[in-house]
Amino acid sequence: TAGVRKAIARLQQVARTYDISLEPVTEQLIDLVLSDRVAPSRTGG
């Protein structure tokens, strides 16, 4: 949890610094992670 929150904070900081938008899938992942939901389990493969 600490590592992922640190990565999110850094990514958001870089995006603000360079005035860029994150991809929708990245925004969705951030929302999902910050909602404290459980990571999807891996199946098959």
ModelCIF file with pLDDT and N, C-alpha, C, O atoms, coordinates in Angstrom:
data_MODEL
#
_entry.id   MODEL 
#
_entity.id                         1 
_entity.type                       polymer 
_entity.pdbx_number_of_molecules   1 
#
_entity_poly.entity_id                      1 
_entity_poly.type                           'polypeptide(L)' 
_entity_poly.nstd_linkage                   no 
_entity_poly.nstd_monomer                   no 
_entity_poly.pdbx_seq_one_letter_code       TAGVRKAIARLQQVARTYDISLEPVTEQLIDLVLSDRVAPSRTGG 
_entity_poly.pdbx_seq_one_letter_code_can   TAGVRKAIARLQQVARTYDISLEPVTEQLIDLVLSDRVAPSRTGG 
_entity_poly.pdbx_strand_id                 A 
#
loop_
_entity_poly_seq.entity_id 
_entity_poly_seq.num 
_entity_poly_seq.mon_id 
_entity_poly_seq.hetero 
1 1  THR n 
1 2  ALA n 
1 3  GLY n 
1 4  VAL n 
1 5  ARG n 
1 6  LYS n 
1 7  ALA n 
1 8  ILE n 
1 9  ALA n 
1 10 ARG n 
1 11 LEU n 
1 12 GLN n 
1 13 GLN n 
1 14 VAL n 
1 15 ALA n 
1 16 ARG n 
1 17 THR n 
1 18 TYR n 
1 19 ASP n 
1 20 ILE n 
1 21 SER n 
1 22 LEU n 
1 23 GLU n 
1 24 PRO n 
1 25 VAL n 
1 26 THR n 
1 27 GLU n 
1 28 GLN n 
1 29 LEU n 
1 30 ILE n 
1 31 ASP n 
1 32 LEU n 
1 33 VAL n 
1 34 LEU n 
1 35 SER n 
1 36 ASP n 
1 37 ARG n 
1 38 VAL n 
1 39 ALA n 
1 40 PRO n 
1 41 SER n 
1 42 ARG n 
1 43 THR n 
1 44 GLY n 
1 45 GLY n 
#
_struct_asym.id          A 
_struct_asym.entity_id   1 
#
loop_
_ma_qa_metric.id 
_ma_qa_metric.mode 
_ma_qa_metric.name 
_ma_qa_metric.software_group_id 
_ma_qa_metric.type 
1 global pLDDT . pLDDT 
2 local  pLDDT . pLDDT 
#
_ma_qa_metric_global.metric_id      1 
_ma_qa_metric_global.metric_value   83.56 
_ma_qa_metric_global.model_id       1 
_ma_qa_metric_global.ordinal_id     1 
#
loop_
_ma_qa_metric_local.label_asym_id 
_ma_qa_metric_local.label_comp_id 
_ma_qa_metric_local.label_seq_id 
_ma_qa_metric_local.metric_id 
_ma_qa_metric_local.metric_value 
_ma_qa_metric_local.model_id 
_ma_qa_metric_local.ordinal_id 
A THR 1  2 86.00 1 1  
A ALA 2  2 91.00 1 2  
A GLY 3  2 91.00 1 3  
A VAL 4  2 89.00 1 4  
A ARG 5  2 91.00 1 5  
A LYS 6  2 93.00 1 6  
A ALA 7  2 92.00 1 7  
A ILE 8  2 93.00 1 8  
A ALA 9  2 94.00 1 9  
A ARG 10 2 95.00 1 10 
A LEU 11 2 95.00 1 11 
A GLN 12 2 94.00 1 12 
A GLN 13 2 97.00 1 13 
A VAL 14 2 97.00 1 14 
A ALA 15 2 97.00 1 15 
A ARG 16 2 97.00 1 16 
A THR 17 2 97.00 1 17 
A TYR 18 2 98.00 1 18 
A ASP 19 2 98.00 1 19 
A ILE 20 2 96.00 1 20 
A SER 21 2 96.00 1 21 
A LEU 22 2 95.00 1 22 
A GLU 23 2 95.00 1 23 
A PRO 24 2 94.00 1 24 
A VAL 25 2 92.00 1 25 
A THR 26 2 89.00 1 26 
A GLU 27 2 92.00 1 27 
A GLN 28 2 90.00 1 28 
A LEU 29 2 83.00 1 29 
A ILE 30 2 88.00 1 30 
A ASP 31 2 90.00 1 31 
A LEU 32 2 83.00 1 32 
A VAL 33 2 82.00 1 33 
A LEU 34 2 84.00 1 34 
A SER 35 2 86.00 1 35 
A ASP 36 2 71.00 1 36 
A ARG 37 2 63.00 1 37 
A VAL 38 2 59.00 1 38 
A ALA 39 2 56.00 1 39 
A PRO 40 2 56.00 1 40 
A SER 41 2 54.00 1 41 
A ARG 42 2 45.00 1 42 
A THR 43 2 45.00 1 43 
A GLY 44 2 45.00 1 44 
A GLY 45 2 46.00 1 45 
#
loop_
_atom_site.group_PDB 
_atom_site.id 
_atom_site.type_symbol 
_atom_site.label_atom_id 
_atom_site.label_alt_id 
_atom_site.label_comp_id 
_atom_site.label_asym_id 
_atom_site.label_entity_id 
_atom_site.label_seq_id 
_atom_site.pdbx_PDB_ins_code 
_atom_site.Cartn_x 
_atom_site.Cartn_y 
_atom_site.Cartn_z 
_atom_site.occupancy 
_atom_site.B_iso_or_equiv 
_atom_site.pdbx_formal_charge 
_atom_site.auth_seq_id 
_atom_site.auth_comp_id 
_atom_site.auth_asym_id 
_atom_site.auth_atom_id 
_atom_site.pdbx_PDB_model_num 
ATOM 1   N N  . THR A 1 1  ? 0.816   -1.209  0.000   1.00 86.00 ? 1  THR A N  1 
ATOM 2   C CA . THR A 1 1  ? 0.000   0.000   0.000   1.00 86.00 ? 1  THR A CA 1 
ATOM 3   C C  . THR A 1 1  ? 0.853   1.265   0.000   1.00 86.00 ? 1  THR A C  1 
ATOM 4   O O  . THR A 1 1  ? 0.574   2.205   -0.744  1.00 86.00 ? 1  THR A O  1 
ATOM 5   N N  . ALA A 1 2  ? 1.883   1.287   0.827   1.00 91.00 ? 2  ALA A N  1 
ATOM 6   C CA . ALA A 1 2  ? 2.738   2.472   0.901   1.00 91.00 ? 2  ALA A CA 1 
ATOM 7   C C  . ALA A 1 2  ? 3.437   2.720   -0.439  1.00 91.00 ? 2  ALA A C  1 
ATOM 8   O O  . ALA A 1 2  ? 3.534   3.862   -0.888  1.00 91.00 ? 2  ALA A O  1 
ATOM 9   N N  . GLY A 1 3  ? 3.919   1.658   -1.069  1.00 91.00 ? 3  GLY A N  1 
ATOM 10  C CA . GLY A 1 3  ? 4.606   1.794   -2.348  1.00 91.00 ? 3  GLY A CA 1 
ATOM 11  C C  . GLY A 1 3  ? 3.695   2.299   -3.446  1.00 91.00 ? 3  GLY A C  1 
ATOM 12  O O  . GLY A 1 3  ? 4.086   3.145   -4.251  1.00 91.00 ? 3  GLY A O  1 
ATOM 13  N N  . VAL A 1 4  ? 2.483   1.781   -3.477  1.00 89.00 ? 4  VAL A N  1 
ATOM 14  C CA . VAL A 1 4  ? 1.564   2.203   -4.532  1.00 89.00 ? 4  VAL A CA 1 
ATOM 15  C C  . VAL A 1 4  ? 1.114   3.644   -4.307  1.00 89.00 ? 4  VAL A C  1 
ATOM 16  O O  . VAL A 1 4  ? 0.991   4.400   -5.270  1.00 89.00 ? 4  VAL A O  1 
ATOM 17  N N  . ARG A 1 5  ? 0.868   4.037   -3.075  1.00 91.00 ? 5  ARG A N  1 
ATOM 18  C CA . ARG A 1 5  ? 0.473   5.427   -2.806  1.00 91.00 ? 5  ARG A CA 1 
ATOM 19  C C  . ARG A 1 5  ? 1.613   6.389   -3.137  1.00 91.00 ? 5  ARG A C  1 
ATOM 20  O O  . ARG A 1 5  ? 1.370   7.500   -3.610  1.00 91.00 ? 5  ARG A O  1 
ATOM 21  N N  . LYS A 1 6  ? 2.837   5.973   -2.894  1.00 93.00 ? 6  LYS A N  1 
ATOM 22  C CA . LYS A 1 6  ? 4.000   6.799   -3.239  1.00 93.00 ? 6  LYS A CA 1 
ATOM 23  C C  . LYS A 1 6  ? 4.113   6.943   -4.760  1.00 93.00 ? 6  LYS A C  1 
ATOM 24  O O  . LYS A 1 6  ? 4.384   8.032   -5.266  1.00 93.00 ? 6  LYS A O  1 
ATOM 25  N N  . ALA A 1 7  ? 3.906   5.846   -5.480  1.00 92.00 ? 7  ALA A N  1 
ATOM 26  C CA . ALA A 1 7  ? 3.969   5.887   -6.947  1.00 92.00 ? 7  ALA A CA 1 
ATOM 27  C C  . ALA A 1 7  ? 2.878   6.784   -7.518  1.00 92.00 ? 7  ALA A C  1 
ATOM 28  O O  . ALA A 1 7  ? 3.122   7.544   -8.455  1.00 92.00 ? 7  ALA A O  1 
ATOM 29  N N  . ILE A 1 8  ? 1.676   6.695   -6.954  1.00 93.00 ? 8  ILE A N  1 
ATOM 30  C CA . ILE A 1 8  ? 0.566   7.534   -7.407  1.00 93.00 ? 8  ILE A CA 1 
ATOM 31  C C  . ILE A 1 8  ? 0.874   9.002   -7.168  1.00 93.00 ? 8  ILE A C  1 
ATOM 32  O O  . ILE A 1 8  ? 0.670   9.838   -8.048  1.00 93.00 ? 8  ILE A O  1 
ATOM 33  N N  . ALA A 1 9  ? 1.365   9.313   -5.982  1.00 94.00 ? 9  ALA A N  1 
ATOM 34  C CA . ALA A 1 9  ? 1.684   10.708  -5.655  1.00 94.00 ? 9  ALA A CA 1 
ATOM 35  C C  . ALA A 1 9  ? 2.739   11.260  -6.607  1.00 94.00 ? 9  ALA A C  1 
ATOM 36  O O  . ALA A 1 9  ? 2.628   12.397  -7.065  1.00 94.00 ? 9  ALA A O  1 
ATOM 37  N N  . ARG A 1 10 ? 3.750   10.469  -6.903  1.00 95.00 ? 10 ARG A N  1 
ATOM 38  C CA . ARG A 1 10 ? 4.813   10.925  -7.805  1.00 95.00 ? 10 ARG A CA 1 
ATOM 39  C C  . ARG A 1 10 ? 4.284   11.118  -9.226  1.00 95.00 ? 10 ARG A C  1 
ATOM 40  O O  . ARG A 1 10 ? 4.605   12.107  -9.885  1.00 95.00 ? 10 ARG A O  1 
ATOM 41  N N  . LEU A 1 11 ? 3.481   10.177  -9.687  1.00 95.00 ? 11 LEU A N  1 
ATOM 42  C CA . LEU A 1 11 ? 2.901   10.285  -11.026 1.00 95.00 ? 11 LEU A CA 1 
ATOM 43  C C  . LEU A 1 11 ? 2.038   11.536  -11.147 1.00 95.00 ? 11 LEU A C  1 
ATOM 44  O O  . LEU A 1 11 ? 2.124   12.260  -12.139 1.00 95.00 ? 11 LEU A O  1 
ATOM 45  N N  . GLN A 1 12 ? 1.211   11.788  -10.144 1.00 94.00 ? 12 GLN A N  1 
ATOM 46  C CA . GLN A 1 12 ? 0.355   12.971  -10.174 1.00 94.00 ? 12 GLN A CA 1 
ATOM 47  C C  . GLN A 1 12 ? 1.182   14.256  -10.122 1.00 94.00 ? 12 GLN A C  1 
ATOM 48  O O  . GLN A 1 12 ? 0.844   15.245  -10.773 1.00 94.00 ? 12 GLN A O  1 
ATOM 49  N N  . GLN A 1 13 ? 2.254   14.237  -9.352  1.00 97.00 ? 13 GLN A N  1 
ATOM 50  C CA . GLN A 1 13 ? 3.134   15.403  -9.268  1.00 97.00 ? 13 GLN A CA 1 
ATOM 51  C C  . GLN A 1 13 ? 3.776   15.702  -10.625 1.00 97.00 ? 13 GLN A C  1 
ATOM 52  O O  . GLN A 1 13 ? 3.819   16.856  -11.053 1.00 97.00 ? 13 GLN A O  1 
ATOM 53  N N  . VAL A 1 14 ? 4.264   14.679  -11.287 1.00 97.00 ? 14 VAL A N  1 
ATOM 54  C CA . VAL A 1 14 ? 4.889   14.855  -12.609 1.00 97.00 ? 14 VAL A CA 1 
ATOM 55  C C  . VAL A 1 14 ? 3.860   15.368  -13.609 1.00 97.00 ? 14 VAL A C  1 
ATOM 56  O O  . VAL A 1 14 ? 4.157   16.261  -14.403 1.00 97.00 ? 14 VAL A O  1 
ATOM 57  N N  . ALA A 1 15 ? 2.661   14.811  -13.576 1.00 97.00 ? 15 ALA A N  1 
ATOM 58  C CA . ALA A 1 15 ? 1.609   15.247  -14.501 1.00 97.00 ? 15 ALA A CA 1 
ATOM 59  C C  . ALA A 1 15 ? 1.277   16.724  -14.291 1.00 97.00 ? 15 ALA A C  1 
ATOM 60  O O  . ALA A 1 15 ? 1.099   17.468  -15.256 1.00 97.00 ? 15 ALA A O  1 
ATOM 61  N N  . ARG A 1 16 ? 1.196   17.144  -13.038 1.00 97.00 ? 16 ARG A N  1 
ATOM 62  C CA . ARG A 1 16 ? 0.924   18.568  -12.754 1.00 97.00 ? 16 ARG A CA 1 
ATOM 63  C C  . ARG A 1 16 ? 2.084   19.452  -13.201 1.00 97.00 ? 16 ARG A C  1 
ATOM 64  O O  . ARG A 1 16 ? 1.874   20.510  -13.793 1.00 97.00 ? 16 ARG A O  1 
ATOM 65  N N  . THR A 1 17 ? 3.303   19.013  -12.914 1.00 97.00 ? 17 THR A N  1 
ATOM 66  C CA . THR A 1 17 ? 4.498   19.796  -13.259 1.00 97.00 ? 17 THR A CA 1 
ATOM 67  C C  . THR A 1 17 ? 4.569   20.060  -14.760 1.00 97.00 ? 17 THR A C  1 
ATOM 68  O O  . THR A 1 17 ? 4.889   21.170  -15.186 1.00 97.00 ? 17 THR A O  1 
ATOM 69  N N  . TYR A 1 18 ? 4.271   19.039  -15.555 1.00 98.00 ? 18 TYR A N  1 
ATOM 70  C CA . TYR A 1 18 ? 4.368   19.170  -16.997 1.00 98.00 ? 18 TYR A CA 1 
ATOM 71  C C  . TYR A 1 18 ? 3.031   19.464  -17.656 1.00 98.00 ? 18 TYR A C  1 
ATOM 72  O O  . TYR A 1 18 ? 2.927   19.474  -18.882 1.00 98.00 ? 18 TYR A O  1 
ATOM 73  N N  . ASP A 1 19 ? 2.004   19.703  -16.840 1.00 98.00 ? 19 ASP A N  1 
ATOM 74  C CA . ASP A 1 19 ? 0.664   20.039  -17.326 1.00 98.00 ? 19 ASP A CA 1 
ATOM 75  C C  . ASP A 1 19 ? 0.187   19.044  -18.388 1.00 98.00 ? 19 ASP A C  1 
ATOM 76  O O  . ASP A 1 19 ? -0.212  19.415  -19.491 1.00 98.00 ? 19 ASP A O  1 
ATOM 77  N N  . ILE A 1 20 ? 0.246   17.761  -18.004 1.00 96.00 ? 20 ILE A N  1 
ATOM 78  C CA . ILE A 1 20 ? -0.223  16.709  -18.899 1.00 96.00 ? 20 ILE A CA 1 
ATOM 79  C C  . ILE A 1 20 ? -1.376  15.952  -18.246 1.00 96.00 ? 20 ILE A C  1 
ATOM 80  O O  . ILE A 1 20 ? -1.518  15.929  -17.023 1.00 96.00 ? 20 ILE A O  1 
ATOM 81  N N  . SER A 1 21 ? -2.185  15.344  -19.086 1.00 96.00 ? 21 SER A N  1 
ATOM 82  C CA . SER A 1 21 ? -3.298  14.533  -18.602 1.00 96.00 ? 21 SER A CA 1 
ATOM 83  C C  . SER A 1 21 ? -2.888  13.070  -18.589 1.00 96.00 ? 21 SER A C  1 
ATOM 84  O O  . SER A 1 21 ? -2.164  12.604  -19.469 1.00 96.00 ? 21 SER A O  1 
ATOM 85  N N  . LEU A 1 22 ? -3.358  12.363  -17.587 1.00 95.00 ? 22 LEU A N  1 
ATOM 86  C CA . LEU A 1 22 ? -3.102  10.931  -17.528 1.00 95.00 ? 22 LEU A CA 1 
ATOM 87  C C  . LEU A 1 22 ? -4.105  10.202  -18.417 1.00 95.00 ? 22 LEU A C  1 
ATOM 88  O O  . LEU A 1 22 ? -5.209  10.690  -18.657 1.00 95.00 ? 22 LEU A O  1 
ATOM 89  N N  . GLU A 1 23 ? -3.715  9.054   -18.889 1.00 95.00 ? 23 GLU A N  1 
ATOM 90  C CA . GLU A 1 23 ? -4.607  8.227   -19.690 1.00 95.00 ? 23 GLU A CA 1 
ATOM 91  C C  . GLU A 1 23 ? -5.807  7.818   -18.831 1.00 95.00 ? 23 GLU A C  1 
ATOM 92  O O  . GLU A 1 23 ? -5.670  7.621   -17.624 1.00 95.00 ? 23 GLU A O  1 
ATOM 93  N N  . PRO A 1 24 ? -6.975  7.693   -19.452 1.00 94.00 ? 24 PRO A N  1 
ATOM 94  C CA . PRO A 1 24 ? -8.164  7.290   -18.687 1.00 94.00 ? 24 PRO A CA 1 
ATOM 95  C C  . PRO A 1 24 ? -7.969  5.990   -17.908 1.00 94.00 ? 24 PRO A C  1 
ATOM 96  O O  . PRO A 1 24 ? -8.450  5.877   -16.781 1.00 94.00 ? 24 PRO A O  1 
ATOM 97  N N  . VAL A 1 25 ? -7.281  5.018   -18.479 1.00 92.00 ? 25 VAL A N  1 
ATOM 98  C CA . VAL A 1 25 ? -7.069  3.756   -17.775 1.00 92.00 ? 25 VAL A CA 1 
ATOM 99  C C  . VAL A 1 25 ? -6.198  3.967   -16.531 1.00 92.00 ? 25 VAL A C  1 
ATOM 100 O O  . VAL A 1 25 ? -6.383  3.286   -15.522 1.00 92.00 ? 25 VAL A O  1 
ATOM 101 N N  . THR A 1 26 ? -5.261  4.900   -16.600 1.00 89.00 ? 26 THR A N  1 
ATOM 102 C CA . THR A 1 26 ? -4.424  5.212   -15.438 1.00 89.00 ? 26 THR A CA 1 
ATOM 103 C C  . THR A 1 26 ? -5.254  5.881   -14.359 1.00 89.00 ? 26 THR A C  1 
ATOM 104 O O  . THR A 1 26 ? -5.121  5.552   -13.180 1.00 89.00 ? 26 THR A O  1 
ATOM 105 N N  . GLU A 1 27 ? -6.106  6.814   -14.746 1.00 92.00 ? 27 GLU A N  1 
ATOM 106 C CA . GLU A 1 27 ? -6.999  7.472   -13.790 1.00 92.00 ? 27 GLU A CA 1 
ATOM 107 C C  . GLU A 1 27 ? -7.922  6.454   -13.121 1.00 92.00 ? 27 GLU A C  1 
ATOM 108 O O  . GLU A 1 27 ? -8.175  6.531   -11.919 1.00 92.00 ? 27 GLU A O  1 
ATOM 109 N N  . GLN A 1 28 ? -8.424  5.497   -13.912 1.00 90.00 ? 28 GLN A N  1 
ATOM 110 C CA . GLN A 1 28 ? -9.300  4.462   -13.360 1.00 90.00 ? 28 GLN A CA 1 
ATOM 111 C C  . GLN A 1 28 ? -8.550  3.593   -12.356 1.00 90.00 ? 28 GLN A C  1 
ATOM 112 O O  . GLN A 1 28 ? -9.093  3.241   -11.308 1.00 90.00 ? 28 GLN A O  1 
ATOM 113 N N  . LEU A 1 29 ? -7.312  3.248   -12.671 1.00 83.00 ? 29 LEU A N  1 
ATOM 114 C CA . LEU A 1 29 ? -6.508  2.448   -11.756 1.00 83.00 ? 29 LEU A CA 1 
ATOM 115 C C  . LEU A 1 29 ? -6.257  3.208   -10.457 1.00 83.00 ? 29 LEU A C  1 
ATOM 116 O O  . LEU A 1 29 ? -6.356  2.637   -9.371  1.00 83.00 ? 29 LEU A O  1 
ATOM 117 N N  . ILE A 1 30 ? -5.935  4.485   -10.568 1.00 88.00 ? 30 ILE A N  1 
ATOM 118 C CA . ILE A 1 30 ? -5.710  5.305   -9.379  1.00 88.00 ? 30 ILE A CA 1 
ATOM 119 C C  . ILE A 1 30 ? -6.970  5.350   -8.521  1.00 88.00 ? 30 ILE A C  1 
ATOM 120 O O  . ILE A 1 30 ? -6.900  5.171   -7.305  1.00 88.00 ? 30 ILE A O  1 
ATOM 121 N N  . ASP A 1 31 ? -8.115  5.588   -9.143  1.00 90.00 ? 31 ASP A N  1 
ATOM 122 C CA . ASP A 1 31 ? -9.383  5.617   -8.404  1.00 90.00 ? 31 ASP A CA 1 
ATOM 123 C C  . ASP A 1 31 ? -9.643  4.283   -7.707  1.00 90.00 ? 31 ASP A C  1 
ATOM 124 O O  . ASP A 1 31 ? -10.064 4.254   -6.550  1.00 90.00 ? 31 ASP A O  1 
ATOM 125 N N  . LEU A 1 32 ? -9.397  3.199   -8.401  1.00 83.00 ? 32 LEU A N  1 
ATOM 126 C CA . LEU A 1 32 ? -9.620  1.872   -7.850  1.00 83.00 ? 32 LEU A CA 1 
ATOM 127 C C  . LEU A 1 32 ? -8.699  1.622   -6.659  1.00 83.00 ? 32 LEU A C  1 
ATOM 128 O O  . LEU A 1 32 ? -9.144  1.140   -5.618  1.00 83.00 ? 32 LEU A O  1 
ATOM 129 N N  . VAL A 1 33 ? -7.437  1.945   -6.810  1.00 82.00 ? 33 VAL A N  1 
ATOM 130 C CA . VAL A 1 33 ? -6.464  1.724   -5.743  1.00 82.00 ? 33 VAL A CA 1 
ATOM 131 C C  . VAL A 1 33 ? -6.778  2.594   -4.526  1.00 82.00 ? 33 VAL A C  1 
ATOM 132 O O  . VAL A 1 33 ? -6.737  2.118   -3.392  1.00 82.00 ? 33 VAL A O  1 
ATOM 133 N N  . LEU A 1 34 ? -7.089  3.857   -4.760  1.00 84.00 ? 34 LEU A N  1 
ATOM 134 C CA . LEU A 1 34 ? -7.357  4.760   -3.645  1.00 84.00 ? 34 LEU A CA 1 
ATOM 135 C C  . LEU A 1 34 ? -8.681  4.474   -2.956  1.00 84.00 ? 34 LEU A C  1 
ATOM 136 O O  . LEU A 1 34 ? -8.923  4.961   -1.851  1.00 84.00 ? 34 LEU A O  1 
ATOM 137 N N  . SER A 1 35 ? -9.541  3.689   -3.594  1.00 86.00 ? 35 SER A N  1 
ATOM 138 C CA . SER A 1 35 ? -10.804 3.323   -2.953  1.00 86.00 ? 35 SER A CA 1 
ATOM 139 C C  . SER A 1 35 ? -10.604 2.163   -1.981  1.00 86.00 ? 35 SER A C  1 
ATOM 140 O O  . SER A 1 35 ? -11.554 1.705   -1.347  1.00 86.00 ? 35 SER A O  1 
ATOM 141 N N  . ASP A 1 36 ? -9.345  1.687   -1.868  1.00 71.00 ? 36 ASP A N  1 
ATOM 142 C CA . ASP A 1 36 ? -8.972  0.597   -0.958  1.00 71.00 ? 36 ASP A CA 1 
ATOM 143 C C  . ASP A 1 36 ? -9.663  -0.714  -1.284  1.00 71.00 ? 36 ASP A C  1 
ATOM 144 O O  . ASP A 1 36 ? -9.876  -1.547  -0.403  1.00 71.00 ? 36 ASP A O  1 
ATOM 145 N N  . ARG A 1 37 ? -10.014 -0.896  -2.550  1.00 63.00 ? 37 ARG A N  1 
ATOM 146 C CA . ARG A 1 37 ? -10.584 -2.181  -2.946  1.00 63.00 ? 37 ARG A CA 1 
ATOM 147 C C  . ARG A 1 37 ? -9.469  -3.190  -3.132  1.00 63.00 ? 37 ARG A C  1 
ATOM 148 O O  . ARG A 1 37 ? -8.314  -2.818  -3.336  1.00 63.00 ? 37 ARG A O  1 
ATOM 149 N N  . VAL A 1 38 ? -9.806  -4.433  -3.062  1.00 59.00 ? 38 VAL A N  1 
ATOM 150 C CA . VAL A 1 38 ? -8.831  -5.507  -3.177  1.00 59.00 ? 38 VAL A CA 1 
ATOM 151 C C  . VAL A 1 38 ? -8.393  -5.651  -4.629  1.00 59.00 ? 38 VAL A C  1 
ATOM 152 O O  . VAL A 1 38 ? -9.203  -5.518  -5.546  1.00 59.00 ? 38 VAL A O  1 
ATOM 153 N N  . ALA A 1 39 ? -7.131  -5.919  -4.829  1.00 56.00 ? 39 ALA A N  1 
ATOM 154 C CA . ALA A 1 39 ? -6.601  -6.119  -6.178  1.00 56.00 ? 39 ALA A CA 1 
ATOM 155 C C  . ALA A 1 39 ? -7.253  -7.337  -6.801  1.00 56.00 ? 39 ALA A C  1 
ATOM 156 O O  . ALA A 1 39 ? -7.499  -8.329  -6.114  1.00 56.00 ? 39 ALA A O  1 
ATOM 157 N N  . PRO A 1 40 ? -7.537  -7.274  -8.104  1.00 56.00 ? 40 PRO A N  1 
ATOM 158 C CA . PRO A 1 40 ? -8.145  -8.440  -8.768  1.00 56.00 ? 40 PRO A CA 1 
ATOM 159 C C  . PRO A 1 40 ? -7.191  -9.620  -8.715  1.00 56.00 ? 40 PRO A C  1 
ATOM 160 O O  . PRO A 1 40 ? -5.983  -9.454  -8.890  1.00 56.00 ? 40 PRO A O  1 
ATOM 161 N N  . SER A 1 41 ? -7.726  -10.810 -8.476  1.00 54.00 ? 41 SER A N  1 
ATOM 162 C CA . SER A 1 41 ? -6.862  -11.998 -8.423  1.00 54.00 ? 41 SER A CA 1 
ATOM 163 C C  . SER A 1 41 ? -6.475  -12.399 -9.836  1.00 54.00 ? 41 SER A C  1 
ATOM 164 O O  . SER A 1 41 ? -7.217  -12.182 -10.793 1.00 54.00 ? 41 SER A O  1 
ATOM 165 N N  . ARG A 1 42 ? -5.323  -12.976 -9.937  1.00 45.00 ? 42 ARG A N  1 
ATOM 166 C CA . ARG A 1 42 ? -4.839  -13.438 -11.239 1.00 45.00 ? 42 ARG A CA 1 
ATOM 167 C C  . ARG A 1 42 ? -5.449  -14.793 -11.522 1.00 45.00 ? 42 ARG A C  1 
ATOM 168 O O  . ARG A 1 42 ? -5.531  -15.653 -10.644 1.00 45.00 ? 42 ARG A O  1 
ATOM 169 N N  . THR A 1 43 ? -5.873  -14.970 -12.752 1.00 45.00 ? 43 THR A N  1 
ATOM 170 C CA . THR A 1 43 ? -6.464  -16.249 -13.132 1.00 45.00 ? 43 THR A CA 1 
ATOM 171 C C  . THR A 1 43 ? -5.759  -16.794 -14.346 1.00 45.00 ? 43 THR A C  1 
ATOM 172 O O  . THR A 1 43 ? -5.379  -16.052 -15.251 1.00 45.00 ? 43 THR A O  1 
ATOM 173 N N  . GLY A 1 44 ? -5.588  -18.106 -14.355 1.00 45.00 ? 44 GLY A N  1 
ATOM 174 C CA . GLY A 1 44 ? -4.984  -18.754 -15.519 1.00 45.00 ? 44 GLY A CA 1 
ATOM 175 C C  . GLY A 1 44 ? -3.584  -18.286 -15.790 1.00 45.00 ? 44 GLY A C  1 
ATOM 176 O O  . GLY A 1 44 ? -2.924  -17.735 -14.909 1.00 45.00 ? 44 GLY A O  1 
ATOM 177 N N  . GLY A 1 45 ? -3.123  -18.500 -17.000 1.00 46.00 ? 45 GLY A N  1 
ATOM 178 C CA . GLY A 1 45 ? -1.803  -18.023 -17.431 1.00 46.00 ? 45 GLY A CA 1 
ATOM 179 C C  . GLY A 1 45 ? -0.671  -18.768 -16.783 1.00 46.00 ? 45 GLY A C  1 
ATOM 180 O O  . GLY A 1 45 ? 0.494   -18.474 -17.050 1.00 46.00 ? 45 GLY A O  1 
#
